[in-house]
C-alpha atoms as a PDB file:
ATOM      1  CA  MET A   1      73.440  52.482 138.509  1.00  0.00           C
ATOM      2  CA  VAL A   2      70.341  53.357 136.435  1.00  0.00           C
ATOM      3  CA  VAL A   3      70.104  56.693 138.249  1.00  0.00           C
ATOM      4  CA  GLU A   4      73.690  57.599 137.429  1.00  0.00           C
ATOM      5  CA  LYS A   5      73.216  56.763 133.771  1.00  0.00           C
ATOM      6  CA  SER A   6      70.028  58.893 133.719  1.00  0.00           C
ATOM      7  CA  GLN A   7      71.902  61.851 135.268  1.00  0.00           C
ATOM      8  CA  ALA A   8      74.781  61.477 132.735  1.00  0.00           C
ATOM      9  CA  PHE A   9      72.330  61.355 129.876  1.00  0.00           C
ATOM     10  CA  GLY A  10      70.528  64.366 131.188  1.00  0.00           C
ATOM     11  CA  GLN A  11      73.776  66.326 131.412  1.00  0.00           C
ATOM     12  CA  LEU A  12      74.645  65.439 127.788  1.00  0.00           C
ATOM     13  CA  ILE A  13      71.239  66.734 126.656  1.00  0.00           C
ATOM     14  CA  VAL A  14      71.740  69.996 128.579  1.00  0.00           C
ATOM     15  CA  VAL A  15      75.231  70.440 127.031  1.00  0.00           C
ATOM     16  CA  GLY A  16      73.891  69.721 123.588  1.00  0.00           C
ATOM     17  CA  ILE A  17      71.079  72.233 124.020  1.00  0.00           C
ATOM     18  CA  VAL A  18      73.398  74.952 125.210  1.00  0.00           C
ATOM     19  CA  GLY A  19      75.841  74.280 122.353  1.00  0.00           C
ATOM     20  CA  MET A  20      73.090  74.398 119.746  1.00  0.00           C
ATOM     21  CA  ALA A  21      71.739  77.618 121.221  1.00  0.00           C
ATOM     22  CA  SER A  22      75.214  79.161 121.062  1.00  0.00           C
ATOM     23  CA  LEU A  23      75.588  78.291 117.413  1.00  0.00           C
ATOM     24  CA  LEU A  24      72.177  79.595 116.545  1.00  0.00           C
ATOM     25  CA  THR A  25      72.563  82.900 118.410  1.00  0.00           C
ATOM     26  CA  GLY A  26      76.073  83.995 117.595  1.00  0.00           C
ATOM     27  CA  CYS A  27      77.053  86.775 115.251  1.00  0.00           C
ATOM     28  CA  ALA A  28      73.539  87.383 113.970  1.00  0.00           C
ATOM     29  CA  ASP A  29      73.587  83.947 112.300  1.00  0.00           C
ATOM     30  CA  GLY A  30      70.734  81.465 112.279  1.00  0.00           C
ATOM     31  CA  PRO A  31      66.989  81.823 112.938  1.00  0.00           C
ATOM     32  CA  LEU A  32      67.432  82.451 116.667  1.00  0.00           C
ATOM     33  CA  TRP A  33      70.131  85.110 116.502  1.00  0.00           C
ATOM     34  CA  LYS A  34      68.045  87.600 118.434  1.00  0.00           C
ATOM     35  CA  ALA A  35      68.225  85.282 121.445  1.00  0.00           C
ATOM     36  CA  GLY A  36      71.939  86.250 121.662  1.00  0.00           C
ATOM     37  CA  LYS A  37      70.978  89.306 123.664  1.00  0.00           C
ATOM     38  CA  TYR A  38      70.577  86.967 126.643  1.00  0.00           C
ATOM     39  CA  THR A  39      74.224  85.796 126.403  1.00  0.00           C
ATOM     40  CA  PRO A  40      76.893  88.255 127.546  1.00  0.00           C
ATOM     41  CA  TRP A  41      79.574  86.976 125.197  1.00  0.00           C
ATOM     42  CA  ALA A  42      77.255  87.459 122.176  1.00  0.00           C
ATOM     43  CA  ARG A  43      76.423  91.062 123.289  1.00  0.00           C
ATOM     44  CA  ASN A  44      80.138  91.817 123.675  1.00  0.00           C
ATOM     45  CA  GLN A  45      80.931  90.423 120.227  1.00  0.00           C
ATOM     46  CA  TRP A  46      78.149  92.436 118.631  1.00  0.00           C
ATOM     47  CA  ALA A  47      79.365  95.637 120.284  1.00  0.00           C
ATOM     48  CA  ALA A  48      82.918  95.030 119.031  1.00  0.00           C
ATOM     49  CA  GLU A  49      81.693  94.334 115.494  1.00  0.00           C
ATOM     50  CA  GLU A  50      79.499  97.400 115.458  1.00  0.00           C
ATOM     51  CA  GLN A  51      82.404  99.550 116.600  1.00  0.00           C
ATOM     52  CA  ILE A  52      84.587  98.212 113.770  1.00  0.00           C
ATOM     53  CA  ALA A  53      81.787  98.750 111.188  1.00  0.00           C
ATOM     54  CA  ASP A  54      81.090 102.241 112.437  1.00  0.00           C
ATOM     55  CA  THR A  55      84.726 103.117 112.230  1.00  0.00           C
ATOM     56  CA  LEU A  56      85.099 101.728 108.743  1.00  0.00           C
ATOM     57  CA  PHE A  57      82.121 103.596 107.346  1.00  0.00           C
ATOM     58  CA  ALA A  58      83.053 106.757 109.230  1.00  0.00           C
ATOM     59  CA  ARG A  59      86.495 106.743 107.624  1.00  0.00           C
ATOM     60  CA  LYS A  60      85.021 106.183 104.185  1.00  0.00           C
ATOM     61  CA  ARG A  61      82.524 108.993 104.739  1.00  0.00           C
ATOM     62  CA  LYS A  62      85.231 111.428 105.847  1.00  0.00           C
ATOM     63  CA  MET A  63      87.375 110.501 102.816  1.00  0.00           C
ATOM     64  CA  SER A  64      84.401 111.115 100.450  1.00  0.00           C
ATOM     65  CA  GLU A  65      83.560 114.439 102.160  1.00  0.00           C
ATOM     66  CA  ALA A  66      87.165 115.612 101.919  1.00  0.00           C
ATOM     67  CA  VAL A  67      87.284 114.960  98.181  1.00  0.00           C
ATOM     68  CA  ALA A  68      83.857 116.514  97.593  1.00  0.00           C
ATOM     69  CA  SER A  69      84.911 119.677  99.395  1.00  0.00           C
ATOM     70  CA  VAL A  70      87.749 120.425  96.938  1.00  0.00           C
ATOM     71  CA  GLN A  71      86.220 119.340  93.654  1.00  0.00           C
ATOM     72  CA  GLY A  72      86.586 122.289  91.297  1.00  0.00           C
ATOM     73  CA  ALA A  73      88.851 124.045  93.811  1.00  0.00           C
ATOM     74  CA  PRO A  74      92.361 125.355  93.028  1.00  0.00           C
ATOM     75  CA  VAL A  75      95.002 122.700  92.375  1.00  0.00           C
ATOM     76  CA  GLU A  76      96.750 123.495  95.642  1.00  0.00           C
ATOM     77  CA  GLU A  77      93.691 122.473  97.679  1.00  0.00           C
ATOM     78  CA  GLN A  78      93.113 119.375  95.610  1.00  0.00           C
ATOM     79  CA  GLN A  79      96.729 118.485  96.090  1.00  0.00           C
ATOM     80  CA  ARG A  80      96.364 118.615  99.826  1.00  0.00           C
ATOM     81  CA  VAL A  81      93.480 116.205  99.871  1.00  0.00           C
ATOM     82  CA  ALA A  82      95.117 113.976  97.278  1.00  0.00           C
ATOM     83  CA  LYS A  83      98.090 113.644  99.576  1.00  0.00           C
ATOM     84  CA  THR A  84      95.920 112.452 102.440  1.00  0.00           C
ATOM     85  CA  ILE A  85      93.914 110.059 100.263  1.00  0.00           C
ATOM     86  CA  SER A  86      97.199 108.753  98.803  1.00  0.00           C
ATOM     87  CA  GLU A  87      98.437 107.945 102.278  1.00  0.00           C
ATOM     88  CA  VAL A  88      95.451 105.598 102.684  1.00  0.00           C
ATOM     89  CA  VAL A  89      95.834 104.042  99.231  1.00  0.00           C
ATOM     90  CA  LEU A  90      99.510 103.293  99.566  1.00  0.00           C
ATOM     91  CA  ARG A  91      99.905 102.448 103.250  1.00  0.00           C
ATOM     92  CA  ASP A  92      96.629 101.429 104.875  1.00  0.00           C
ATOM     93  CA  SER A  93      96.169  97.795 105.837  1.00  0.00           C
ATOM     94  CA  VAL A  94      92.411  97.681 105.043  1.00  0.00           C
ATOM     95  CA  LEU A  95      91.783  96.730 101.433  1.00  0.00           C
ATOM     96  CA  LEU A  96      88.242  98.186 101.466  1.00  0.00           C
ATOM     97  CA  LEU A  97      89.555 101.618 102.460  1.00  0.00           C
ATOM     98  CA  ARG A  98      92.365 101.454  99.828  1.00  0.00           C
ATOM     99  CA  LEU A  99      89.826 100.602  97.117  1.00  0.00           C
ATOM    100  CA  HIS A 100      87.654 103.521  98.201  1.00  0.00           C
ATOM    101  CA  GLY A 101      90.630 105.881  98.097  1.00  0.00           C
ATOM    102  CA  VAL A 102      91.561 104.782  94.589  1.00  0.00           C
ATOM    103  CA  ASN A 103      88.033 105.375  93.393  1.00  0.00           C
ATOM    104  CA  LEU A 104      88.096 108.862  94.969  1.00  0.00           C
ATOM    105  CA  LEU A 105      91.343 109.838  93.275  1.00  0.00           C
ATOM    106  CA  GLY A 106      89.547 109.669  89.947  1.00  0.00           C
ATOM    107  CA  LYS A 107      87.562 112.747  91.050  1.00  0.00           C
ATOM    108  CA  LEU A 108      90.630 114.905  91.635  1.00  0.00           C
ATOM    109  CA  ASN A 109      92.531 116.775  88.982  1.00  0.00           C
ATOM    110  CA  CYS A 110      96.010 117.320  90.371  1.00  0.00           C
ATOM    111  CA  PRO A 111      99.519 115.839  90.064  1.00  0.00           C
ATOM    112  CA  GLY A 112      99.269 113.960  93.380  1.00  0.00           C
ATOM    113  CA  ALA A 113      96.157 112.029  92.267  1.00  0.00           C
ATOM    114  CA  LEU A 114      97.788 111.089  88.965  1.00  0.00           C
ATOM    115  CA  GLN A 115     100.965 109.935  90.685  1.00  0.00           C
ATOM    116  CA  THR A 116      99.135 107.734  93.099  1.00  0.00           C
ATOM    117  CA  LEU A 117      96.948 106.249  90.335  1.00  0.00           C
ATOM    118  CA  ARG A 118     100.038 105.293  88.435  1.00  0.00           C
ATOM    119  CA  ALA A 119     101.349 103.610  91.584  1.00  0.00           C
ATOM    120  CA  ALA A 120      98.028 101.844  92.109  1.00  0.00           C
ATOM    121  CA  SER A 121      98.133 100.655  88.533  1.00  0.00           C
ATOM    122  CA  THR A 122     101.184  98.477  89.415  1.00  0.00           C
ATOM    123  CA  ASP A 123     100.082  97.488  92.975  1.00  0.00           C
ATOM    124  CA  ASN A 124     100.521  93.893  94.150  1.00  0.00           C
ATOM    125  CA  SER A 125      96.685  93.620  94.508  1.00  0.00           C
ATOM    126  CA  ALA A 126      94.793  92.943  91.250  1.00  0.00           C
ATOM    127  CA  ASP A 127      91.748  94.544  92.907  1.00  0.00           C
ATOM    128  CA  ILE A 128      93.604  97.772  93.435  1.00  0.00           C
ATOM    129  CA  ARG A 129      94.859  97.772  89.804  1.00  0.00           C
ATOM    130  CA  ILE A 130      91.314  97.240  88.535  1.00  0.00           C
ATOM    131  CA  ALA A 131      90.064 100.090  90.741  1.00  0.00           C
ATOM    132  CA  ALA A 132      92.771 102.293  89.338  1.00  0.00           C
ATOM    133  CA  ILE A 133      91.612 101.450  85.821  1.00  0.00           C
ATOM    134  CA  LYS A 134      88.094 102.574  86.682  1.00  0.00           C
ATOM    135  CA  SER A 135      89.494 105.894  87.877  1.00  0.00           C
ATOM    136  CA  TRP A 136      91.530 106.308  84.654  1.00  0.00           C
ATOM    137  CA  ARG A 137      88.262 106.286  82.770  1.00  0.00           C
ATOM    138  CA  SER A 138      87.417 109.687  84.301  1.00  0.00           C
ATOM    139  CA  MET A 139      90.767 111.210  83.378  1.00  0.00           C
ATOM    140  CA  PRO A 140      91.576 113.138  80.211  1.00  0.00           C
ATOM    141  CA  ALA A 141      92.192 110.888  77.195  1.00  0.00           C
ATOM    142  CA  GLU A 142      95.738 112.103  76.597  1.00  0.00           C
ATOM    143  CA  THR A 143      96.625 111.018  80.169  1.00  0.00           C
ATOM    144  CA  ALA A 144      94.528 107.883  80.551  1.00  0.00           C
ATOM    145  CA  ILE A 145      94.898 106.103  77.236  1.00  0.00           C
ATOM    146  CA  PRO A 146      98.706 105.672  77.349  1.00  0.00           C
ATOM    147  CA  GLN A 147      98.391 104.307  80.915  1.00  0.00           C
ATOM    148  CA  LEU A 148      95.651 101.881  79.853  1.00  0.00           C
ATOM    149  CA  GLN A 149      97.694 100.715  76.850  1.00  0.00           C
ATOM    150  CA  ASN A 150     100.698 100.129  79.122  1.00  0.00           C
ATOM    151  CA  ILE A 151      98.543  98.007  81.425  1.00  0.00           C
ATOM    152  CA  ILE A 152      97.331  95.918  78.495  1.00  0.00           C
ATOM    153  CA  GLY A 153     100.855  95.295  77.373  1.00  0.00           C
ATOM    154  CA  SER A 154     102.522  94.667  80.654  1.00  0.00           C
ATOM    155  CA  ASP A 155     100.105  93.290  83.278  1.00  0.00           C
ATOM    156  CA  THR A 156     100.118  89.529  83.818  1.00  0.00           C
ATOM    157  CA  ASN A 157      96.544  89.270  85.179  1.00  0.00           C
ATOM    158  CA  ILE A 158      93.955  88.599  82.518  1.00  0.00           C
ATOM    159  CA  ASP A 159      91.195  90.257  84.513  1.00  0.00           C
ATOM    160  CA  VAL A 160      93.221  93.439  84.842  1.00  0.00           C
ATOM    161  CA  ARG A 161      93.999  93.461  81.104  1.00  0.00           C
ATOM    162  CA  LEU A 162      90.336  92.894  80.281  1.00  0.00           C
ATOM    163  CA  ALA A 163      89.352  95.784  82.486  1.00  0.00           C
ATOM    164  CA  ALA A 164      91.878  98.071  80.817  1.00  0.00           C
ATOM    165  CA  THR A 165      90.645  97.100  77.364  1.00  0.00           C
ATOM    166  CA  ARG A 166      87.031  97.694  78.397  1.00  0.00           C
ATOM    167  CA  ALA A 167      87.982 101.105  79.792  1.00  0.00           C
ATOM    168  CA  LEU A 168      89.326 102.155  76.393  1.00  0.00           C
ATOM    169  CA  GLY A 169      85.731 102.010  75.096  1.00  0.00           C
ATOM    170  CA  SER A 170      85.065 105.196  77.217  1.00  0.00           C
ATOM    171  CA  PHE A 171      87.237 107.264  74.868  1.00  0.00           C
ATOM    172  CA  ASN A 172      87.118 108.313  71.211  1.00  0.00           C
ATOM    173  CA  GLY A 173      89.677 109.026  68.543  1.00  0.00           C
ATOM    174  CA  GLN A 174      92.720 107.494  66.905  1.00  0.00           C
ATOM    175  CA  GLN A 175      94.679 107.187  70.108  1.00  0.00           C
ATOM    176  CA  ALA A 176      91.995 104.945  71.669  1.00  0.00           C
ATOM    177  CA  ILE A 177      91.828 102.832  68.459  1.00  0.00           C
ATOM    178  CA  SER A 178      95.541 102.311  68.457  1.00  0.00           C
ATOM    179  CA  ALA A 179      95.520 101.285  72.113  1.00  0.00           C
ATOM    180  CA  ALA A 180      92.634  98.847  71.644  1.00  0.00           C
ATOM    181  CA  SER A 181      94.427  97.305  68.612  1.00  0.00           C
ATOM    182  CA  LEU A 182      97.105  96.021  71.032  1.00  0.00           C
ATOM    183  CA  ALA A 183      94.470  93.814  72.709  1.00  0.00           C
ATOM    184  CA  LEU A 184      93.017  92.924  69.346  1.00  0.00           C
ATOM    185  CA  GLU A 185      96.326  91.408  68.264  1.00  0.00           C
ATOM    186  CA  ASP A 186      96.636  89.376  71.478  1.00  0.00           C
ATOM    187  CA  LYS A 187      96.422  85.570  71.346  1.00  0.00           C
ATOM    188  CA  ASP A 188      93.831  85.407  74.093  1.00  0.00           C
ATOM    189  CA  PRO A 189      90.331  85.139  72.579  1.00  0.00           C
ATOM    190  CA  ALA A 190      88.684  86.814  75.567  1.00  0.00           C
ATOM    191  CA  LEU A 191      90.974  89.795  75.230  1.00  0.00           C
ATOM    192  CA  GLN A 192      90.289  89.975  71.477  1.00  0.00           C
ATOM    193  CA  LEU A 193      86.544  89.924  72.063  1.00  0.00           C
ATOM    194  CA  ARG A 194      86.819  92.684  74.620  1.00  0.00           C
ATOM    195  CA  ALA A 195      88.849  94.694  72.189  1.00  0.00           C
ATOM    196  CA  VAL A 196      86.112  94.233  69.542  1.00  0.00           C
ATOM    197  CA  GLU A 197      83.506  95.471  72.003  1.00  0.00           C
ATOM    198  CA  SER A 198      85.539  98.559  72.880  1.00  0.00           C
ATOM    199  CA  LEU A 199      86.303  99.331  69.209  1.00  0.00           C
ATOM    200  CA  GLN A 200      82.596  99.217  68.439  1.00  0.00           C
ATOM    201  CA  ARG A 201      82.030 101.887  71.096  1.00  0.00           C
ATOM    202  CA  ILE A 202      85.030 103.985  70.083  1.00  0.00           C
ATOM    203  CA  THR A 203      84.279 103.988  66.306  1.00  0.00           C
ATOM    204  CA  GLY A 204      80.503 103.460  66.212  1.00  0.00           C
ATOM    205  CA  GLU A 205      81.147 100.812  63.477  1.00  0.00           C
ATOM    206  CA  SER A 206      79.162  97.544  63.322  1.00  0.00           C
ATOM    207  CA  LEU A 207      81.466  94.875  62.054  1.00  0.00           C
ATOM    208  CA  GLY A 208      80.200  92.097  64.332  1.00  0.00           C
ATOM    209  CA  ARG A 209      82.579  89.982  66.335  1.00  0.00           C
ATOM    210  CA  ASP A 210      84.829  88.910  63.489  1.00  0.00           C
ATOM    211  CA  VAL A 211      88.278  89.708  64.795  1.00  0.00           C
ATOM    212  CA  SER A 212      89.875  89.581  61.301  1.00  0.00           C
ATOM    213  CA  LYS A 213      87.484  92.222  60.030  1.00  0.00           C
ATOM    214  CA  TRP A 214      88.414  94.511  62.883  1.00  0.00           C
ATOM    215  CA  GLN A 215      92.078  93.883  62.378  1.00  0.00           C
ATOM    216  CA  GLN A 216      91.695  94.895  58.770  1.00  0.00           C
ATOM    217  CA  TYR A 217      89.680  97.946  59.792  1.00  0.00           C
ATOM    218  CA  VAL A 218      92.241  99.066  62.329  1.00  0.00           C
ATOM    219  CA  SER A 219      95.064  98.645  59.796  1.00  0.00           C
ATOM    220  CA  GLN A 220      93.237 100.895  57.290  1.00  0.00           C
ATOM    221  CA  VAL A 221      92.305 103.697  59.724  1.00  0.00           C
ATOM    222  CA  LYS A 222      95.721 103.858  61.411  1.00  0.00           C
ATOM    223  CA  PRO A 223      97.519 106.920  60.115  1.00  0.00           C
ATOM    224  CA  GLN A 224     100.953 106.523  58.608  1.00  0.00           C
ATOM    225  CA  SER A 225     103.495 107.681  61.115  1.00  0.00           C
ATOM    226  CA  SER A 226     105.063 110.905  59.944  1.00  0.00           C
ATOM    227  CA  PRO A 227     107.286 113.205  61.927  1.00  0.00           C
ATOM    228  CA  THR A 228     105.725 116.262  63.406  1.00  0.00           C
ATOM    229  CA  ALA A 229     107.292 119.719  63.138  1.00  0.00           C
ATOM    230  CA  THR A 230     108.749 119.324  66.607  1.00  0.00           C
ATOM    231  CA  GLU A 231     110.184 115.886  65.783  1.00  0.00           C
ATOM    232  CA  SER A 232     111.708 117.273  62.574  1.00  0.00           C
ATOM    233  CA  LEU A 233     113.390 120.065  64.403  1.00  0.00           C
ATOM    234  CA  THR A 234     114.646 117.582  67.018  1.00  0.00           C
ATOM    235  CA  ALA A 235     116.003 115.296  64.276  1.00  0.00           C
ATOM    236  CA  GLN A 236     117.773 118.195  62.607  1.00  0.00           C
ATOM    237  CA  ALA A 237     119.287 119.310  65.880  1.00  0.00           C
ATOM    238  CA  SER A 238     120.499 115.772  66.543  1.00  0.00           C
ATOM    239  CA  GLN A 239     122.103 115.539  63.059  1.00  0.00           C
ATOM    240  CA  SER A 240     123.842 118.845  63.634  1.00  0.00           C
ATOM    241  CA  LEU A 241     125.118 117.699  66.969  1.00  0.00           C
ATOM    242  CA  GLU A 242     126.225 114.389  65.540  1.00  0.00           C
ATOM    243  CA  ALA A 243     128.146 116.147  62.791  1.00  0.00           C
ATOM    244  CA  LEU A 244     129.995 118.194  65.356  1.00  0.00           C
ATOM    245  CA  SER A 245     130.682 115.402  67.783  1.00  0.00           C
ATOM    246  CA  PRO A 246     129.410 111.919  67.114  1.00  0.00           C
ATOM    247  CA  SER A 247     130.097 110.839  70.645  1.00  0.00           C
ATOM    248  CA  ALA A 248     127.771 113.479  72.017  1.00  0.00           C
ATOM    249  CA  THR A 249     124.628 111.708  70.758  1.00  0.00           C
ATOM    250  CA  ALA A 250     122.791 110.115  73.681  1.00  0.00           C
ATOM    251  CA  SER A 251     121.344 106.665  73.314  1.00  0.00           C
ATOM    252  CA  LYS A 252     117.663 106.246  73.678  1.00  0.00           C
ATOM    253  CA  GLN A 253     116.139 103.809  76.182  1.00  0.00           C
ATOM    254  CA  ASP A 254     112.666 102.430  76.063  1.00  0.00           C
ATOM    255  CA  TYR A 255     110.519 103.263  79.021  1.00  0.00           C
ATOM    256  CA  VAL A 256     109.851 100.352  81.317  1.00  0.00           C
ATOM    257  CA  PRO A 257     107.235 100.924  83.954  1.00  0.00           C
ATOM    258  CA  SER A 258     108.384 100.265  87.500  1.00  0.00           C
ATOM    259  CA  LYS A 259     106.418  97.834  89.625  1.00  0.00           C
ATOM    260  CA  VAL A 260     105.608  99.833  92.710  1.00  0.00           C
ATOM    261  CA  ALA A 261     103.802  96.926  94.404  1.00  0.00           C
ATOM    262  CA  THR A 262     103.588  98.727  97.742  1.00  0.00           C
ATOM    263  CA  LYS A 263     102.752  96.435 100.604  1.00  0.00           C
ATOM    264  CA  PRO A 264     100.399  97.929 103.031  1.00  0.00           C
ATOM    265  CA  ASP A 265     101.961  98.110 106.467  1.00  0.00           C
ATOM    266  CA  ASP A 266     100.736  99.996 109.504  1.00  0.00           C
ATOM    267  CA  SER A 267      97.225 101.429 109.196  1.00  0.00           C
ATOM    268  CA  SER A 268      97.115 105.033 108.291  1.00  0.00           C
ATOM    269  CA  SER A 269      96.298 107.533 111.022  1.00  0.00           C
ATOM    270  CA  TYR A 270      94.144 109.538 108.639  1.00  0.00           C
ATOM    271  CA  PHE A 271      90.327 109.462 108.848  1.00  0.00           C
ATOM    272  CA  ARG A 272      90.325 107.372 112.074  1.00  0.00           C
ATOM    273  CA  THR A 273      87.502 107.817 114.558  1.00  0.00           C
ATOM    274  CA  GLY A 274      88.999 106.186 117.640  1.00  0.00           C
ATOM    275  CA  ALA A 275      88.735 102.460 117.075  1.00  0.00           C
ATOM    276  CA  SER A 276      92.000 100.692 117.922  1.00  0.00           C
ATOM    277  CA  THR A 277      91.799  97.933 115.314  1.00  0.00           C
ATOM    278  CA  THR A 278      89.943  97.444 112.053  1.00  0.00           C
ATOM    279  CA  SER A 279      89.074  93.853 111.200  1.00  0.00           C
ATOM    280  CA  GLN A 280      89.907  92.449 107.798  1.00  0.00           C
ATOM    281  CA  THR A 281      86.811  90.260 108.072  1.00  0.00           C
ATOM    282  CA  LEU A 282      84.590  93.129 106.928  1.00  0.00           C
ATOM    283  CA  ILE A 283      86.514  93.660 103.719  1.00  0.00           C
ATOM    284  CA  ARG A 284      84.937  90.953 101.642  1.00  0.00           C
END
């Protein structure tokens, strides 16, 4: 009886030691992770993880190289690469690759890049929308500022709105001041403070963090809206048309941005290096 108990106790000790060794040697975790080379299952897992990592980094590298090869090239060549990058941004299942693609689009100057950035600005993922905001910072002011202003006024995520307000600080001029004033008038104190910081960079003024002072400043520097020559001609043409046929005047509709909110489905076939599956565990 004593012998049987001793054998059972010994077996429990062996099982415990094996289990502890497995925990300490798996997935390069723990102080004894190098001992995993003696266990076949650990070696197989390492090989699978390395293949995934190599594939992920290889795809990112190919994307970066493709964009670098057409920077400064004719629009047609940039458009070709933008189409390929856009396929990853809008349809790939790996968030890390989508984020990388959005960042790369900011280095291209073509309609395809702008179109995809607009779509990314209304994506379901807040991370994608913030990445799009970073890319807008490298775009021309007349293109980027209206988009950033639209994000401030329409996005429901405070982090996204804060990022858009901060991005306005990368620009200069009256258009940037007007866009930042939208955040300055918001009820959220964090957004107001971020607007103050951006206005300091835009204007070079030092009015401290007093929101009321900045509101007064913005109201004074805002130009009075006056019709341009083009607007005057358009108004005259409309009046003439209205005089001839009142029913011919078209009603104006405010622009409402559409929520693209593309859901990534099947992984894109672009920039693949042969791995069959890419694990989401490497994204974070």
